[in-house]
Protein backbone atom coordinates (compact mmCIF):
# COMPACT_ATOMS: atom_id res chain seq x y z
CA UNK A 1 0.47 -0.04 0.34
CA UNK A 2 0.96 3.73 -0.52
CA UNK A 3 1.61 6.25 2.07
CA UNK A 4 -1.03 8.25 1.13
CA UNK A 5 -3.71 5.09 1.67
CA UNK A 6 -1.83 4.54 5.09
CA UNK A 7 -2.45 7.85 6.47
CA UNK A 8 -6.23 7.82 5.23
CA UNK A 9 -6.37 4.78 7.25
CA UNK A 10 -4.92 6.46 10.35
CA UNK A 11 -8.24 7.43 11.86
CA UNK A 12 -9.61 3.44 11.09
CA UNK A 13 -6.42 2.23 12.97
CA UNK A 14 -6.52 4.23 15.92
CA UNK A 15 -10.30 3.40 17.13
CA UNK A 16 -9.81 -0.67 15.65
CA UNK A 17 -12.42 -0.77 13.01
CA UNK A 18 -9.56 -2.64 10.34
CA UNK A 19 -10.09 -5.88 9.46
CA UNK A 20 -7.30 -8.20 10.70
CA UNK A 21 -5.87 -8.32 7.01
CA UNK A 22 -6.11 -4.63 6.39
CA UNK A 23 -4.89 -3.93 10.35
CA UNK A 24 -1.31 -6.09 9.81
CA UNK A 25 -0.87 -4.61 6.35
CA UNK A 26 -1.20 -1.55 8.14
CA UNK A 27 0.91 -2.48 10.94
CA UNK A 28 3.80 -3.86 8.47
CA UNK A 29 3.50 -0.73 6.47
CA UNK A 30 4.63 1.35 9.52
CA UNK A 31 7.00 -1.12 10.47
CA UNK A 32 8.73 -0.70 7.36
CA UNK A 33 8.45 2.94 6.34
CA UNK A 34 10.14 5.29 8.74
CA UNK A 35 8.18 8.23 7.52
CA UNK A 36 4.60 6.92 8.20
CA UNK A 37 5.88 5.27 11.30
CA UNK A 38 7.05 8.81 12.47
CA UNK A 39 3.73 9.91 10.98
CA UNK A 40 1.60 7.56 12.84
CA UNK A 41 2.93 8.01 16.32
CA UNK A 42 2.55 11.56 15.87
CA UNK A 43 -1.16 11.19 15.47
CA UNK A 44 -1.70 8.74 17.50
CA UNK A 45 -0.20 10.86 20.03
CA UNK A 46 -1.42 13.56 19.74
CA UNK A 47 -5.19 12.01 19.95
CA UNK A 48 -3.77 10.54 23.53
CA UNK A 49 -3.05 13.82 24.62
CA UNK A 50 -6.07 15.53 23.08
CA UNK A 51 -7.97 12.49 25.06
CA UNK A 52 -6.39 13.56 28.60
CA UNK A 53 -8.73 16.91 28.38
CA UNK A 54 -12.00 16.75 30.29
CA UNK A 55 -15.21 18.35 28.19
CA UNK A 56 -16.59 20.77 29.91
CA UNK A 57 -20.17 19.88 30.02
CA UNK A 58 -23.44 21.44 31.76
CA UNK A 59 -24.18 19.06 34.87
CA UNK A 60 -26.91 16.77 34.22
CA UNK A 61 -30.40 18.20 34.00
CA UNK A 62 -29.27 22.08 33.77
CA UNK A 63 -31.64 22.51 31.00
CA UNK A 64 -34.63 20.87 32.56
CA UNK A 65 -33.65 23.17 36.18
CA UNK A 66 -33.29 26.05 34.67
CA UNK A 67 -36.52 26.30 32.44
CA UNK A 68 -38.60 25.27 35.78
CA UNK A 69 -36.99 28.08 37.50
CA UNK A 70 -37.53 30.33 34.50
CA UNK A 71 -41.19 29.32 34.48
CA UNK A 72 -41.50 29.47 38.47
CA UNK A 73 -40.40 33.12 37.95
CA UNK A 74 -42.65 34.40 35.31
CA UNK A 75 -45.90 33.50 37.88
CA UNK A 76 -45.75 36.59 39.71
CA UNK A 77 -47.72 38.64 41.98
CA UNK A 78 -49.26 41.65 40.39
CA UNK A 79 -48.18 45.16 42.29
CA UNK A 80 -44.74 45.91 43.27
CA UNK A 81 -42.48 42.41 42.94
CA UNK A 82 -43.75 42.13 39.24
CA UNK A 83 -40.48 44.57 37.75
CA UNK A 84 -38.08 42.63 40.21
CA UNK A 85 -39.16 39.66 38.88
CA UNK A 86 -38.88 40.71 35.16
CA UNK A 87 -35.07 41.68 36.06
CA UNK A 88 -35.10 38.49 37.63
CA UNK A 89 -36.22 36.33 34.53
CA UNK A 90 -33.87 38.88 32.36
CA UNK A 91 -30.57 38.25 34.74
CA UNK A 92 -31.40 34.36 34.44
CA UNK A 93 -31.82 34.63 30.70
CA UNK A 94 -28.42 36.36 30.69
CA UNK A 95 -27.10 34.03 32.88
CA UNK A 96 -28.22 31.03 30.33
CA UNK A 97 -27.39 32.86 27.64
CA UNK A 98 -23.66 33.30 29.13
CA UNK A 99 -23.15 29.64 30.58
CA UNK A 100 -24.33 28.90 26.81
CA UNK A 101 -21.81 30.97 25.15
CA UNK A 102 -19.02 30.08 27.80
CA UNK A 103 -19.16 26.08 26.98
CA UNK A 104 -19.42 26.88 23.15
CA UNK A 105 -15.94 28.76 23.83
CA UNK A 106 -14.71 26.22 25.87
CA UNK A 107 -14.95 23.41 22.62
CA UNK A 108 -14.00 25.69 20.22
CA UNK A 109 -11.39 25.81 21.96
CA UNK A 110 -10.60 22.15 22.43
CA UNK A 111 -11.16 22.07 18.67
CA UNK A 112 -8.53 24.60 17.85
CA UNK A 113 -6.00 22.76 19.82
CA UNK A 114 -7.06 19.74 17.34
CA UNK A 115 -6.55 21.71 14.50
CA UNK A 116 -3.27 23.08 16.00
CA UNK A 117 -1.85 19.67 16.90
CA UNK A 118 -3.06 18.11 13.48
CA UNK A 119 -1.06 21.39 11.60
CA UNK A 120 1.79 20.31 13.44
CA UNK A 121 1.78 16.98 12.40
CA UNK A 122 1.57 17.85 8.59
CA UNK A 123 4.44 20.44 9.10
CA UNK A 124 7.25 19.67 6.51
CA UNK A 125 9.65 21.25 9.04
CA UNK A 126 8.97 18.74 12.22
CA UNK A 127 11.13 16.21 11.39
CA UNK A 128 11.51 14.61 14.75
CA UNK A 129 9.16 13.23 16.92
CA UNK A 130 11.08 14.65 19.37
CA UNK A 131 10.04 17.89 18.70
CA UNK A 132 6.54 17.17 19.19
CA UNK A 133 7.76 15.77 22.68
CA UNK A 134 9.30 18.73 23.63
CA UNK A 135 6.13 21.11 22.42
CA UNK A 136 3.98 18.85 24.59
CA UNK A 137 6.47 19.24 27.84
CA UNK A 138 6.61 23.16 27.24
CA UNK A 139 2.52 23.20 27.12
CA UNK A 140 1.84 21.42 30.01
CA UNK A 141 4.72 23.84 31.71
CA UNK A 142 2.95 26.88 30.34
CA UNK A 143 -0.33 25.39 31.50
CA UNK A 144 1.06 24.84 34.64
CA UNK A 145 1.89 28.49 35.32
CA UNK A 146 -0.74 29.76 33.56
CA UNK A 147 -3.23 27.82 36.40
CA UNK A 148 -4.50 25.43 34.05
CA UNK A 149 -5.12 27.09 30.33
CA UNK A 150 -3.70 25.23 27.90
CA UNK A 151 -2.41 26.79 24.38
């Protein structure tokens, strides 16, 4: 098989979706071809690193609780408290939108990290896997200094 065909099968090999014959051909090619072996190691290590980052998800039932609270706030007594409840509902809506935007931003950041890692893997000037490992160490050290923020 050609190197391009091997690279197209990286996802399938990583997710263990290749049949036995294809898997053996893949492994044999990677063993023989230094360029594919380097690319495969970088690719597999990049995904292993990304899997260690926890996704930020709202807690179970967050949407239901928020909607229930908003519904409870809408039923208000008449008189003095009506403007207060309107502001409370508005504030709750702003908070929900803010949390949604924050979660969306975090997902975009995680996606951007994956794109950066994929770009690093495909860069011609990175000819040694040690460079990627050094970047990982630098990223880890930098995230420790920044209080956990990565890239």
